[in-house]
Amino acid sequence: MTRFEHSTLKRELRYEGPVFSVHTDEITMSGGGTAHRDVVLNKNAVGVAALDEVGRIVLIKQYRHPVGRHLWELPAGLLDVAGEDPQVAAARELGEEADLRAARWDLLVDLHTSPGFSAETIRIYLARDLSPVPDAERHTREEEEADIEIAWVELDEAVAMILRGEITNAAAVGGIFAAARARDDGWATLRPAETPTLG
């Protein structure tokens, strides 16, 4: 089957802010003609599935205003430091949000978070050989991060939390399922941390 090559005929900026912008694109359609689609362009992100030596994963719970509640998530954050390598950003987020360092890093999974309207991707790393960040070097959490709750959960229990509807953050769902599958495969499916990012 030949795929139709879509093209953008026109782009109109609707909003531009510090994290994302919103555009309305006029695009060619597979069935003929054109249509308008709103597109969010935002900074990409990284996340960390951090596993300790007994198979527990670290989860954080923090407030997410758009949904109006606290959610269980993986340590994660935007790629908002110019030129920062994604793995370095992931290590920074792990330290800032979970007070942890990791000596071993592998690429776990790449995700498009909501491709129906956004171009955002998140790269989730598997972090192992963990150690605590010394107290004197710990990040001072502010704003939504000020009351982060940190929990260590058996990986299989984290999977069960997803299936019970207790973990709904998409990146956490993808990262936890990928970590459980990679463990069950004896880690043979892991990719090197430096694997090129999605195009």
C-alpha atoms as a PDB file:
ATOM      1  CA  MET A   1       0.000   0.000   0.000  1.00  0.00           C
ATOM      2  CA  THR A   2       1.347   3.425  -0.939  1.00  0.00           C
ATOM      3  CA  ARG A   3       1.198   5.967   1.867  1.00  0.00           C
ATOM      4  CA  PHE A   4       0.001   9.468   1.095  1.00  0.00           C
ATOM      5  CA  GLU A   5       2.653  12.110   1.744  1.00  0.00           C
ATOM      6  CA  HIS A   6       0.983  14.845   3.784  1.00  0.00           C
ATOM      7  CA  SER A   7       2.212  18.400   3.516  1.00  0.00           C
ATOM      8  CA  THR A   8       1.592  21.573   5.484  1.00  0.00           C
ATOM      9  CA  LEU A   9       0.268  24.328   3.252  1.00  0.00           C
ATOM     10  CA  LYS A  10      -0.035  27.040   5.865  1.00  0.00           C
ATOM     11  CA  ARG A  11       0.778  27.544   9.571  1.00  0.00           C
ATOM     12  CA  GLU A  12      -0.766  30.197  11.808  1.00  0.00           C
ATOM     13  CA  LEU A  13       0.628  30.897  15.277  1.00  0.00           C
ATOM     14  CA  ARG A  14      -2.136  31.022  17.888  1.00  0.00           C
ATOM     15  CA  TYR A  15      -0.131  31.175  21.135  1.00  0.00           C
ATOM     16  CA  GLU A  16       3.513  31.206  22.164  1.00  0.00           C
ATOM     17  CA  GLY A  17       4.675  30.679  25.732  1.00  0.00           C
ATOM     18  CA  PRO A  18       7.823  29.617  27.582  1.00  0.00           C
ATOM     19  CA  VAL A  19       7.114  25.861  27.361  1.00  0.00           C
ATOM     20  CA  PHE A  20       4.920  25.388  24.287  1.00  0.00           C
ATOM     21  CA  SER A  21       3.335  27.108  21.313  1.00  0.00           C
ATOM     22  CA  VAL A  22       0.039  26.401  19.556  1.00  0.00           C
ATOM     23  CA  HIS A  23      -0.334  26.570  15.773  1.00  0.00           C
ATOM     24  CA  THR A  24      -3.160  25.904  13.352  1.00  0.00           C
ATOM     25  CA  ASP A  25      -1.899  24.052  10.291  1.00  0.00           C
ATOM     26  CA  GLU A  26      -3.675  23.582   6.985  1.00  0.00           C
ATOM     27  CA  ILE A  27      -2.623  20.142   5.742  1.00  0.00           C
ATOM     28  CA  THR A  28      -3.325  17.947   2.762  1.00  0.00           C
ATOM     29  CA  MET A  29      -5.507  14.925   3.509  1.00  0.00           C
ATOM     30  CA  SER A  30      -5.180  11.327   2.334  1.00  0.00           C
ATOM     31  CA  GLY A  31      -8.684  11.312   0.887  1.00  0.00           C
ATOM     32  CA  GLY A  32      -8.187  14.560  -1.013  1.00  0.00           C
ATOM     33  CA  GLY A  33      -8.677  18.165  -0.037  1.00  0.00           C
ATOM     34  CA  THR A  34      -7.273  19.895   3.015  1.00  0.00           C
ATOM     35  CA  ALA A  35      -8.098  20.213   6.714  1.00  0.00           C
ATOM     36  CA  HIS A  36      -7.068  22.366   9.639  1.00  0.00           C
ATOM     37  CA  ARG A  37      -5.341  20.816  12.644  1.00  0.00           C
ATOM     38  CA  ASP A  38      -4.252  22.507  15.870  1.00  0.00           C
ATOM     39  CA  VAL A  39      -0.734  21.487  16.853  1.00  0.00           C
ATOM     40  CA  VAL A  40       1.093  21.951  20.137  1.00  0.00           C
ATOM     41  CA  LEU A  41       4.861  22.278  19.779  1.00  0.00           C
ATOM     42  CA  ASN A  42       6.597  21.878  23.098  1.00  0.00           C
ATOM     43  CA  LYS A  43       9.910  20.933  24.632  1.00  0.00           C
ATOM     44  CA  ASN A  44      10.585  17.209  24.689  1.00  0.00           C
ATOM     45  CA  ALA A  45      11.094  15.366  27.961  1.00  0.00           C
ATOM     46  CA  VAL A  46      12.992  12.590  29.695  1.00  0.00           C
ATOM     47  CA  GLY A  47      11.941  10.169  32.405  1.00  0.00           C
ATOM     48  CA  VAL A  48      13.653   7.589  34.592  1.00  0.00           C
ATOM     49  CA  ALA A  49      12.603   4.114  35.646  1.00  0.00           C
ATOM     50  CA  ALA A  50      15.036   3.681  38.548  1.00  0.00           C
ATOM     51  CA  LEU A  51      15.324   0.142  39.932  1.00  0.00           C
ATOM     52  CA  ASP A  52      17.157  -0.840  43.082  1.00  0.00           C
ATOM     53  CA  GLU A  53      19.012  -4.085  43.722  1.00  0.00           C
ATOM     54  CA  VAL A  54      15.892  -5.880  44.996  1.00  0.00           C
ATOM     55  CA  GLY A  55      13.690  -4.951  42.054  1.00  0.00           C
ATOM     56  CA  ARG A  56      11.812  -1.967  43.425  1.00  0.00           C
ATOM     57  CA  ILE A  57      11.057   1.077  41.274  1.00  0.00           C
ATOM     58  CA  VAL A  58      11.045   4.611  42.638  1.00  0.00           C
ATOM     59  CA  LEU A  59       7.800   6.524  42.114  1.00  0.00           C
ATOM     60  CA  ILE A  60       7.051  10.128  42.902  1.00  0.00           C
ATOM     61  CA  LYS A  61       3.664  11.682  43.579  1.00  0.00           C
ATOM     62  CA  GLN A  62       3.180  15.324  42.681  1.00  0.00           C
ATOM     63  CA  TYR A  63       0.394  17.778  41.941  1.00  0.00           C
ATOM     64  CA  ARG A  64      -0.653  18.222  38.308  1.00  0.00           C
ATOM     65  CA  HIS A  65      -2.874  21.252  37.907  1.00  0.00           C
ATOM     66  CA  PRO A  66      -4.537  20.368  34.554  1.00  0.00           C
ATOM     67  CA  VAL A  67      -6.052  17.239  36.138  1.00  0.00           C
ATOM     68  CA  GLY A  68      -6.465  18.841  39.559  1.00  0.00           C
ATOM     69  CA  ARG A  69      -4.830  16.117  41.614  1.00  0.00           C
ATOM     70  CA  HIS A  70      -1.626  14.407  42.669  1.00  0.00           C
ATOM     71  CA  LEU A  71      -0.392  11.657  40.329  1.00  0.00           C
ATOM     72  CA  TRP A  72       2.068   8.813  40.738  1.00  0.00           C
ATOM     73  CA  GLU A  73       4.818   9.284  38.144  1.00  0.00           C
ATOM     74  CA  LEU A  74       8.407   8.468  37.292  1.00  0.00           C
ATOM     75  CA  PRO A  75      11.030  11.141  37.946  1.00  0.00           C
ATOM     76  CA  ALA A  76      10.891  13.188  34.750  1.00  0.00           C
ATOM     77  CA  GLY A  77      11.274  16.639  33.297  1.00  0.00           C
ATOM     78  CA  LEU A  78      11.548  18.797  30.225  1.00  0.00           C
ATOM     79  CA  LEU A  79      14.610  19.110  28.052  1.00  0.00           C
ATOM     80  CA  ASP A  80      14.742  22.802  28.854  1.00  0.00           C
ATOM     81  CA  VAL A  81      18.485  23.357  29.291  1.00  0.00           C
ATOM     82  CA  ALA A  82      19.981  24.397  25.953  1.00  0.00           C
ATOM     83  CA  GLY A  83      22.335  21.762  24.545  1.00  0.00           C
ATOM     84  CA  GLU A  84      21.921  19.376  27.475  1.00  0.00           C
ATOM     85  CA  ASP A  85      22.309  15.704  26.584  1.00  0.00           C
ATOM     86  CA  PRO A  86      19.069  13.782  27.322  1.00  0.00           C
ATOM     87  CA  GLN A  87      20.826  11.276  29.576  1.00  0.00           C
ATOM     88  CA  VAL A  88      22.413  14.110  31.550  1.00  0.00           C
ATOM     89  CA  ALA A  89      18.979  15.706  31.871  1.00  0.00           C
ATOM     90  CA  ALA A  90      17.532  12.409  33.085  1.00  0.00           C
ATOM     91  CA  ALA A  91      20.277  12.102  35.710  1.00  0.00           C
ATOM     92  CA  ARG A  92      19.566  15.663  36.825  1.00  0.00           C
ATOM     93  CA  GLU A  93      15.849  14.948  37.175  1.00  0.00           C
ATOM     94  CA  LEU A  94      16.522  11.739  39.125  1.00  0.00           C
ATOM     95  CA  GLY A  95      18.688  13.701  41.537  1.00  0.00           C
ATOM     96  CA  GLU A  96      16.296  16.628  41.872  1.00  0.00           C
ATOM     97  CA  GLU A  97      13.080  14.664  42.265  1.00  0.00           C
ATOM     98  CA  ALA A  98      14.156  11.424  43.956  1.00  0.00           C
ATOM     99  CA  ASP A  99      17.521  12.293  45.589  1.00  0.00           C
ATOM    100  CA  LEU A 100      19.216   9.478  43.679  1.00  0.00           C
ATOM    101  CA  ARG A 101      22.220   8.874  41.455  1.00  0.00           C
ATOM    102  CA  ALA A 102      22.718   5.949  39.081  1.00  0.00           C
ATOM    103  CA  ALA A 103      25.919   4.325  37.867  1.00  0.00           C
ATOM    104  CA  ARG A 104      24.239   2.322  35.094  1.00  0.00           C
ATOM    105  CA  TRP A 105      22.010   3.788  32.369  1.00  0.00           C
ATOM    106  CA  ASP A 106      20.196   2.060  29.514  1.00  0.00           C
ATOM    107  CA  LEU A 107      17.553   3.261  27.083  1.00  0.00           C
ATOM    108  CA  LEU A 108      14.204   1.733  27.964  1.00  0.00           C
ATOM    109  CA  VAL A 109      11.611   3.239  25.609  1.00  0.00           C
ATOM    110  CA  ASP A 110      10.760   6.289  23.466  1.00  0.00           C
ATOM    111  CA  LEU A 111       7.176   7.564  23.442  1.00  0.00           C
ATOM    112  CA  HIS A 112       5.104  10.127  21.589  1.00  0.00           C
ATOM    113  CA  THR A 113       3.027  11.412  24.503  1.00  0.00           C
ATOM    114  CA  SER A 114      -0.070  12.583  22.619  1.00  0.00           C
ATOM    115  CA  PRO A 115       0.478  12.516  18.842  1.00  0.00           C
ATOM    116  CA  GLY A 116      -3.082  13.510  18.040  1.00  0.00           C
ATOM    117  CA  PHE A 117      -2.211  17.127  18.788  1.00  0.00           C
ATOM    118  CA  SER A 118       1.361  17.318  20.079  1.00  0.00           C
ATOM    119  CA  ALA A 119       4.813  16.581  18.681  1.00  0.00           C
ATOM    120  CA  GLU A 120       6.229  15.979  22.186  1.00  0.00           C
ATOM    121  CA  THR A 121       8.374  12.924  22.834  1.00  0.00           C
ATOM    122  CA  ILE A 122       9.645  11.502  26.091  1.00  0.00           C
ATOM    123  CA  ARG A 123      12.679   9.234  26.342  1.00  0.00           C
ATOM    124  CA  ILE A 124      12.612   6.937  29.345  1.00  0.00           C
ATOM    125  CA  TYR A 125      15.834   5.502  30.692  1.00  0.00           C
ATOM    126  CA  LEU A 126      16.381   2.537  32.965  1.00  0.00           C
ATOM    127  CA  ALA A 127      18.657   3.576  35.838  1.00  0.00           C
ATOM    128  CA  ARG A 128      20.349   1.006  38.086  1.00  0.00           C
ATOM    129  CA  ASP A 129      23.218   0.747  40.567  1.00  0.00           C
ATOM    130  CA  LEU A 130      21.592   3.517  42.588  1.00  0.00           C
ATOM    131  CA  SER A 131      22.991   5.557  45.448  1.00  0.00           C
ATOM    132  CA  PRO A 132      21.578   8.486  47.429  1.00  0.00           C
ATOM    133  CA  VAL A 133      22.556  12.067  46.708  1.00  0.00           C
ATOM    134  CA  PRO A 134      24.440  13.318  49.814  1.00  0.00           C
ATOM    135  CA  ASP A 135      22.285  15.542  52.018  1.00  0.00           C
ATOM    136  CA  ALA A 136      24.481  18.595  51.449  1.00  0.00           C
ATOM    137  CA  GLU A 137      24.098  18.282  47.662  1.00  0.00           C
ATOM    138  CA  ARG A 138      20.340  17.752  47.491  1.00  0.00           C
ATOM    139  CA  HIS A 139      18.153  19.967  45.356  1.00  0.00           C
ATOM    140  CA  THR A 140      15.714  22.338  47.078  1.00  0.00           C
ATOM    141  CA  ARG A 141      12.298  21.518  45.647  1.00  0.00           C
ATOM    142  CA  GLU A 142       9.939  24.410  44.918  1.00  0.00           C
ATOM    143  CA  GLU A 143       6.435  25.046  43.525  1.00  0.00           C
ATOM    144  CA  GLU A 144       4.635  21.758  42.630  1.00  0.00           C
ATOM    145  CA  GLU A 145       7.741  19.795  43.569  1.00  0.00           C
ATOM    146  CA  ALA A 146       7.812  21.137  47.139  1.00  0.00           C
ATOM    147  CA  ASP A 147       5.585  18.337  48.479  1.00  0.00           C
ATOM    148  CA  ILE A 148       6.730  15.471  46.265  1.00  0.00           C
ATOM    149  CA  GLU A 149       6.104  12.096  47.879  1.00  0.00           C
ATOM    150  CA  ILE A 150       8.711   9.420  47.125  1.00  0.00           C
ATOM    151  CA  ALA A 151       7.872   5.721  47.314  1.00  0.00           C
ATOM    152  CA  TRP A 152       9.717   2.502  46.562  1.00  0.00           C
ATOM    153  CA  VAL A 153       7.382  -0.056  44.999  1.00  0.00           C
ATOM    154  CA  GLU A 154       8.005  -3.617  43.830  1.00  0.00           C
ATOM    155  CA  LEU A 155       7.986  -3.524  40.027  1.00  0.00           C
ATOM    156  CA  ASP A 156       5.189  -6.098  39.773  1.00  0.00           C
ATOM    157  CA  GLU A 157       3.140  -4.078  42.260  1.00  0.00           C
ATOM    158  CA  ALA A 158       3.679  -0.953  40.121  1.00  0.00           C
ATOM    159  CA  VAL A 159       2.265  -2.899  37.160  1.00  0.00           C
ATOM    160  CA  ALA A 160      -0.698  -3.888  39.348  1.00  0.00           C
ATOM    161  CA  MET A 161      -1.192  -0.234  40.325  1.00  0.00           C
ATOM    162  CA  ILE A 162      -1.517   0.615  36.621  1.00  0.00           C
ATOM    163  CA  LEU A 163      -4.096  -2.099  36.088  1.00  0.00           C
ATOM    164  CA  ARG A 164      -6.053  -0.918  39.165  1.00  0.00           C
ATOM    165  CA  GLY A 165      -6.120   2.619  37.767  1.00  0.00           C
ATOM    166  CA  GLU A 166      -3.823   4.034  40.463  1.00  0.00           C
ATOM    167  CA  ILE A 167      -1.094   5.073  37.995  1.00  0.00           C
ATOM    168  CA  THR A 168      -2.470   6.980  34.992  1.00  0.00           C
ATOM    169  CA  ASN A 169       0.451   9.176  33.896  1.00  0.00           C
ATOM    170  CA  ALA A 170       1.167   7.947  30.363  1.00  0.00           C
ATOM    171  CA  ALA A 171       4.958   8.124  30.624  1.00  0.00           C
ATOM    172  CA  ALA A 172       4.874   6.210  33.911  1.00  0.00           C
ATOM    173  CA  VAL A 173       2.585   3.559  32.422  1.00  0.00           C
ATOM    174  CA  GLY A 174       4.886   3.125  29.418  1.00  0.00           C
ATOM    175  CA  GLY A 175       8.060   3.149  31.491  1.00  0.00           C
ATOM    176  CA  ILE A 176       6.808   0.701  34.105  1.00  0.00           C
ATOM    177  CA  PHE A 177       5.464  -1.773  31.545  1.00  0.00           C
ATOM    178  CA  ALA A 178       8.693  -1.497  29.522  1.00  0.00           C
ATOM    179  CA  ALA A 179      10.827  -2.036  32.642  1.00  0.00           C
ATOM    180  CA  ALA A 180       8.817  -5.100  33.646  1.00  0.00           C
ATOM    181  CA  ARG A 181       9.071  -6.585  30.143  1.00  0.00           C
ATOM    182  CA  ALA A 182      12.805  -5.835  29.912  1.00  0.00           C
ATOM    183  CA  ARG A 183      13.346  -7.535  33.287  1.00  0.00           C
ATOM    184  CA  ASP A 184      11.340 -10.572  32.158  1.00  0.00           C
ATOM    185  CA  ASP A 185      13.510 -10.716  29.007  1.00  0.00           C
ATOM    186  CA  GLY A 186      16.667 -10.730  31.132  1.00  0.00           C
ATOM    187  CA  TRP A 187      17.459  -7.151  30.022  1.00  0.00           C
ATOM    188  CA  ALA A 188      18.316  -8.404  26.504  1.00  0.00           C
ATOM    189  CA  THR A 189      16.005  -5.857  24.826  1.00  0.00           C
ATOM    190  CA  LEU A 190      17.609  -2.773  26.355  1.00  0.00           C
ATOM    191  CA  ARG A 191      19.247  -0.288  23.996  1.00  0.00           C
ATOM    192  CA  PRO A 192      22.359   1.778  24.734  1.00  0.00           C
ATOM    193  CA  ALA A 193      21.624   5.046  26.536  1.00  0.00           C
ATOM    194  CA  GLU A 194      23.264   7.004  23.723  1.00  0.00           C
ATOM    195  CA  THR A 195      20.930   5.618  21.014  1.00  0.00           C
ATOM    196  CA  PRO A 196      19.891   8.528  18.728  1.00  0.00           C
ATOM    197  CA  THR A 197      16.605  10.169  19.659  1.00  0.00           C
ATOM    198  CA  LEU A 198      13.427   9.986  17.627  1.00  0.00           C
ATOM    199  CA  GLY A 199      13.432  12.002  14.415  1.00  0.00           C
END
